[in-house]
Amino acid sequence: MNNCETDNTAGLEPKKENKTCPKCGKAFYCSHSARCWCVEYSLNNEARELLESTYSDCLCEDCLKGYAS
């Protein structure tokens, strides 16, 4: 699973991508940067490890909210 806070390397323009949530199938937008909506949610280490081991890509906002601390 991508970590948008650190995914934008060398100051490059962030890639913008439409994705499908691997948990619920909902379509959502990801900017892969520190400006992505997902950086507003705080995850504890246990939740982060669970998500990284369960899903290969980002979750939509509704699903991510359920793991936020």
Protein backbone atom coordinates (compact mmCIF):
# COMPACT_ATOMS: atom_id res chain seq x y z
CA MET A 1 0.00 0.00 0.00
CA ASN A 2 1.32 3.43 -0.87
CA ASN A 3 2.17 6.05 1.70
CA CYS A 4 1.23 9.32 0.04
CA GLU A 5 3.25 11.41 2.50
CA THR A 6 6.51 10.02 1.11
CA ASP A 7 5.55 8.83 -2.37
CA ASN A 8 6.42 12.08 -4.17
CA THR A 9 10.21 11.81 -4.52
CA ALA A 10 12.65 14.44 -5.80
CA GLY A 11 9.99 17.16 -5.89
CA LEU A 12 8.37 15.72 -9.00
CA GLU A 13 4.81 16.64 -9.87
CA PRO A 14 2.58 14.07 -8.13
CA LYS A 15 0.90 11.55 -10.36
CA LYS A 16 -2.87 11.72 -10.26
CA GLU A 17 -4.78 8.51 -10.55
CA ASN A 18 -8.29 7.14 -10.40
CA LYS A 19 -8.31 3.97 -8.33
CA THR A 20 -10.70 1.27 -7.19
CA CYS A 21 -10.76 0.44 -3.49
CA PRO A 22 -9.59 -3.16 -2.97
CA LYS A 23 -11.88 -3.50 0.06
CA CYS A 24 -15.25 -2.24 -1.20
CA GLY A 25 -14.79 -1.70 -4.96
CA LYS A 26 -15.64 2.03 -4.84
CA ALA A 27 -13.85 4.32 -7.32
CA PHE A 28 -11.81 7.18 -5.84
CA TYR A 29 -9.10 9.71 -6.69
CA CYS A 30 -5.51 9.50 -5.39
CA SER A 31 -2.89 12.21 -5.89
CA HIS A 32 0.10 10.24 -4.50
CA SER A 33 1.44 13.27 -2.68
CA ALA A 34 1.49 15.03 0.66
CA ARG A 35 -1.60 16.90 -0.60
CA CYS A 36 -3.65 13.69 -0.97
CA TRP A 37 -6.82 13.50 1.14
CA CYS A 38 -5.52 10.35 2.88
CA VAL A 39 -2.78 12.16 4.80
CA GLU A 40 -5.51 13.75 6.94
CA TYR A 41 -6.05 10.35 8.61
CA SER A 42 -3.79 9.08 11.35
CA LEU A 43 -3.14 5.33 11.56
CA ASN A 44 -1.51 3.59 14.49
CA ASN A 45 1.24 1.06 13.72
CA GLU A 46 -1.08 -1.92 14.17
CA ALA A 47 -3.63 -0.57 11.68
CA ARG A 48 -0.92 0.39 9.18
CA GLU A 49 0.66 -3.08 9.36
CA LEU A 50 -2.74 -4.76 8.96
CA LEU A 51 -3.60 -2.65 5.90
CA GLU A 52 -0.18 -3.17 4.31
CA SER A 53 -0.38 -6.95 4.78
CA THR A 54 -4.01 -7.22 3.62
CA TYR A 55 -4.27 -4.81 0.68
CA SER A 56 -1.89 -4.15 -2.19
CA ASP A 57 -3.14 -0.62 -2.83
CA CYS A 58 -4.83 2.39 -1.23
CA LEU A 59 -8.30 2.24 0.29
CA CYS A 60 -11.07 4.73 -0.44
CA GLU A 61 -11.82 7.38 2.17
CA ASP A 62 -14.86 5.57 3.59
CA CYS A 63 -12.89 2.37 4.19
CA LEU A 64 -9.77 4.15 5.47
CA LYS A 65 -11.86 6.04 8.06
CA GLY A 66 -12.64 2.73 9.74
CA TYR A 67 -8.95 2.18 10.51
CA ALA A 68 -8.07 5.73 11.55
CA SER A 69 -7.17 6.46 15.15
